[in-house]
Amino acid sequence: MTEYMQTASVDPIEVVRRHSLTALVRDQIERHIVEGELAPGDKLNEADWAARLHVSRGPVREAFRALEQAGLVRTEKNRGVFVRTVSLAEADEIYAVRAVLEEAACRMLAANIDARQLAVLRDWLDAMRAALDARDHDAYARANVAFHDALVAAAGNLKLYETYRRLVSELRLFRRAALAVHADAMERSLAEHRAILTALASRDAGRAAALMHAHVNGGLQRAHAACEEGGVVARQLDTARSAPTSDD
């Protein structure tokens, strides 16, 4: 059978269905990782996830590959797939690139921001305020991520946004850990976000970019403090050592 005949025999609806199913599986596993239900070092068992999500093993296998490309898991030969641990040195590099990207996004957005975009950012700021009042670190982390995601998306540069998304997926566990260790971290973080939004609303591109740079650097310092004072790295290593052979 020729390559053309093989391609022609593939049902296009099946291709779309399989792609969509893989995306759904990937989203489910990613949610467990970024919300901390799967810790660095945990093993992802293909058969277990297929059974849990009521799918065949093919979409799970493809989802694992996509998660590896996103930097969330690693594959070890003859051992399996594991939730990736991002070292503090790697986090330093990622934060440095993230600062450049978000400063650029602020400059782009400040020049053209409209009422709808401001309203979306204000809604996420309100969600952060509500999470702070409830002392809900996980809800705050989700709203924090969504605020930055909405800001970078609104800048209107697709390539910048895609690069940003790949970087940020690797930092989410660091962010939540840093917010949890310091009692006043959420208060300071909220004040920084509010100042950035005020600068954007005023169309002050230079101030918005400078505030974003300071905010990202502050996040990096909180991550370092979390590792030093809260023993985040030690806990991650302990989790990796004691992790079972499946994710159950």
Foldseek 3Di string as FASTA:
>chain_A
DDPVVVVVPDDVVVVVVLVVLLVVLLVVVLVCQLLVVAAFQAFADQVVSCVVVVHDSVSVVVSLVVCVVLVQWDADPPQHITGHDQDLVNVVVLLVVLLVLLLVLLLLLLQPPDPVLLVQLVVLLVQLVVCVVVVPLSSNLVSVVVNSLSSSVNSPDVVSSVVNSSSVSNCSVLQSLLCVPDNCVSVVLSVLSVQLSVCSVVSPSVSNSVSSSVSSVVSSVSSVCSCVPVVPVVVSVVCNVPHDSHSD
